[in-house]
Amino acid sequence: MAMPKKGSRLITVDGTAFRWRVSHKPTYHKSTGSSPLTFVVERAQEPGSVLMVSLSCARPDNWNGERTIAVRPVLVAGCVRRAVEQGWNSGQSGSTFTLTVTEDELAELLGEAPQYLIPFLWGMMPEGGGIRDLPRCRQIWSRDEQAGTTKPA
């Protein structure tokens, strides 16, 4: 079964085009932070076996404020290479190949220390951040503030 194209992103790793995506709608266990953040990868042309990557952190939309990371193309490429080293054949149909990435492996796959984020009331804050980080955080604004109709204090 092929991955839906809607919501997926393309990436080329070592000359092969792949499609990857993080599920848009979490299950109950994933949203509570009790399940790891996962994403799937498959060949863009003639998909075969699907790669499921399980990370050692929660989804960004988890309800418990568990730390998370942004799934970036550099991480996806590193995971594809690691899975191929471990025997994943993306061109051969078959069962899903699962790659579990530990916290220690994240730095190696990213090429740098992971930058964890902590979900909070208004958006995301860097791990260990404080009040000075609030202006840099993604915030959820009310409709009035988006329209510019708020009255100055």
Protein backbone atom coordinates (compact mmCIF):
# COMPACT_ATOMS: atom_id res chain seq x y z
CA MET A 1 0.00 0.00 0.00
CA ALA A 2 1.48 3.33 -1.07
CA MET A 3 1.76 6.33 1.22
CA PRO A 4 -0.68 9.16 0.44
CA LYS A 5 1.06 11.94 -1.52
CA LYS A 6 -0.90 14.63 0.30
CA GLY A 7 1.14 15.88 3.24
CA SER A 8 4.31 14.09 2.19
CA ARG A 9 7.61 15.69 1.25
CA LEU A 10 10.18 14.66 -1.33
CA ILE A 11 13.84 14.05 -0.53
CA THR A 12 16.68 12.58 -2.57
CA VAL A 13 19.15 10.40 -0.68
CA ASP A 14 22.21 9.07 -2.50
CA GLY A 15 20.51 9.47 -5.90
CA THR A 16 17.18 7.85 -4.98
CA ALA A 17 14.01 9.94 -4.60
CA PHE A 18 11.93 9.21 -1.50
CA ARG A 19 8.68 10.52 -0.07
CA TRP A 20 8.32 10.99 3.72
CA ARG A 21 5.71 12.22 6.16
CA VAL A 22 4.81 12.53 9.81
CA SER A 23 1.21 11.56 10.50
CA HIS A 24 -0.98 14.67 10.71
CA LYS A 25 -3.50 13.24 13.14
CA PRO A 26 -2.03 11.55 16.20
CA THR A 27 -3.63 8.63 17.93
CA TYR A 28 -4.68 9.15 21.55
CA HIS A 29 -1.51 7.50 22.89
CA LYS A 30 0.73 9.58 20.63
CA SER A 31 -0.93 12.85 21.64
CA THR A 32 -0.52 12.11 25.35
CA GLY A 33 3.21 11.66 24.84
CA SER A 34 3.16 7.97 25.76
CA SER A 35 4.14 6.89 22.23
CA PRO A 36 7.22 8.03 20.29
CA LEU A 37 7.28 10.46 17.38
CA THR A 38 7.28 8.42 14.16
CA PHE A 39 7.54 9.11 10.46
CA VAL A 40 7.43 6.91 7.35
CA VAL A 41 9.56 6.88 4.21
CA GLU A 42 9.11 5.12 0.86
CA ARG A 43 10.48 5.39 -2.66
CA ALA A 44 8.81 8.14 -4.68
CA GLN A 45 8.85 6.02 -7.87
CA GLU A 46 7.84 2.36 -7.72
CA PRO A 47 7.39 2.17 -3.94
CA GLY A 48 8.32 -1.08 -2.29
CA SER A 49 8.92 -1.64 1.41
CA VAL A 50 8.02 1.21 3.76
CA LEU A 51 10.46 2.44 6.39
CA MET A 52 8.93 3.42 9.75
CA VAL A 53 11.25 5.50 11.94
CA SER A 54 10.56 5.71 15.66
CA LEU A 55 12.29 8.56 17.52
CA SER A 56 13.06 8.81 21.24
CA CYS A 57 10.79 11.83 21.84
CA ALA A 58 7.11 12.75 21.71
CA ARG A 59 5.07 14.36 18.91
CA PRO A 60 5.10 18.20 18.90
CA ASP A 61 1.35 18.26 19.59
CA ASN A 62 1.54 16.06 22.70
CA TRP A 63 -0.64 17.16 25.62
CA ASN A 64 1.80 16.52 28.47
CA GLY A 65 4.56 18.95 27.54
CA GLU A 66 7.00 16.13 26.71
CA ARG A 67 10.02 17.32 24.75
CA THR A 68 10.10 16.89 20.99
CA ILE A 69 12.17 17.76 17.94
CA ALA A 70 11.35 18.98 14.47
CA VAL A 71 11.74 16.25 11.86
CA ARG A 72 14.05 17.88 9.33
CA PRO A 73 15.33 16.56 5.98
CA VAL A 74 18.84 16.00 7.41
CA LEU A 75 17.35 13.59 9.97
CA VAL A 76 15.25 11.81 7.34
CA ALA A 77 18.30 11.34 5.09
CA GLY A 78 20.37 10.02 8.01
CA CYS A 79 17.62 7.57 8.94
CA VAL A 80 17.30 6.31 5.35
CA ARG A 81 21.07 5.70 5.18
CA ARG A 82 21.03 3.93 8.57
CA ALA A 83 18.10 1.72 7.52
CA VAL A 84 19.85 0.75 4.27
CA GLU A 85 22.95 -0.18 6.31
CA GLN A 86 20.73 -2.37 8.48
CA GLY A 87 19.19 -4.19 5.50
CA TRP A 88 16.20 -2.12 4.33
CA ASN A 89 15.60 -2.59 0.61
CA SER A 90 13.27 0.23 -0.44
CA GLY A 91 12.69 -1.22 -3.91
CA GLN A 92 11.56 -4.66 -2.78
CA SER A 93 7.97 -5.09 -1.65
CA GLY A 94 7.49 -6.61 1.75
CA SER A 95 6.65 -5.82 5.32
CA THR A 96 7.41 -2.50 6.96
CA PHE A 97 11.02 -2.05 8.08
CA THR A 98 11.22 -0.38 11.51
CA LEU A 99 14.18 1.75 12.57
CA THR A 100 14.27 2.80 16.22
CA VAL A 101 16.50 5.81 16.86
CA THR A 102 17.78 6.27 20.41
CA GLU A 103 18.54 9.63 21.95
CA ASP A 104 22.28 8.95 21.63
CA GLU A 105 21.91 8.23 17.89
CA LEU A 106 20.05 11.47 17.17
CA ALA A 107 23.20 13.63 17.38
CA GLU A 108 25.03 11.31 14.99
CA LEU A 109 22.17 11.31 12.46
CA LEU A 110 21.68 15.08 12.69
CA GLY A 111 25.37 15.91 12.60
CA GLU A 112 24.86 18.09 15.70
CA ALA A 113 23.24 17.93 19.12
CA PRO A 114 19.43 17.70 18.86
CA GLN A 115 17.56 20.93 19.57
CA TYR A 116 14.64 19.82 21.69
CA LEU A 117 11.46 21.85 21.96
CA ILE A 118 8.93 21.89 24.79
CA PRO A 119 5.25 22.45 23.94
CA PHE A 120 3.57 25.02 26.17
CA LEU A 121 0.43 27.14 26.23
CA TRP A 122 1.39 29.47 23.36
CA GLY A 123 3.48 27.21 21.11
CA MET A 124 7.01 25.77 21.36
CA MET A 125 9.92 26.83 23.55
CA PRO A 126 13.55 25.62 23.30
CA GLU A 127 14.37 23.07 26.01
CA GLY A 128 15.80 24.86 29.03
CA GLY A 129 14.39 28.16 27.76
CA GLY A 130 12.82 30.79 29.92
CA ILE A 131 10.96 34.07 29.83
CA ARG A 132 13.56 35.61 27.50
CA ASP A 133 12.72 33.01 24.86
CA LEU A 134 9.04 33.94 24.68
CA PRO A 135 9.43 36.50 21.84
CA ARG A 136 11.10 33.81 19.66
CA CYS A 137 8.41 31.18 20.32
CA ARG A 138 5.68 30.37 17.83
CA GLN A 139 2.55 31.77 19.35
CA ILE A 140 -1.13 31.24 18.81
CA TRP A 141 -2.88 34.59 18.41
CA SER A 142 -6.54 35.41 18.83
CA ARG A 143 -8.56 36.50 15.80
CA ASP A 144 -8.61 40.11 17.01
CA GLU A 145 -4.83 40.24 17.28
CA GLN A 146 -4.40 38.71 13.81
CA ALA A 147 -6.73 41.28 12.29
CA GLY A 148 -4.91 44.11 14.07
CA THR A 149 -8.04 45.17 15.93
CA THR A 150 -6.73 44.90 19.49
CA LYS A 151 -6.70 48.05 21.54
CA PRO A 152 -3.35 49.16 22.96
CA ALA A 153 -3.00 48.67 26.71
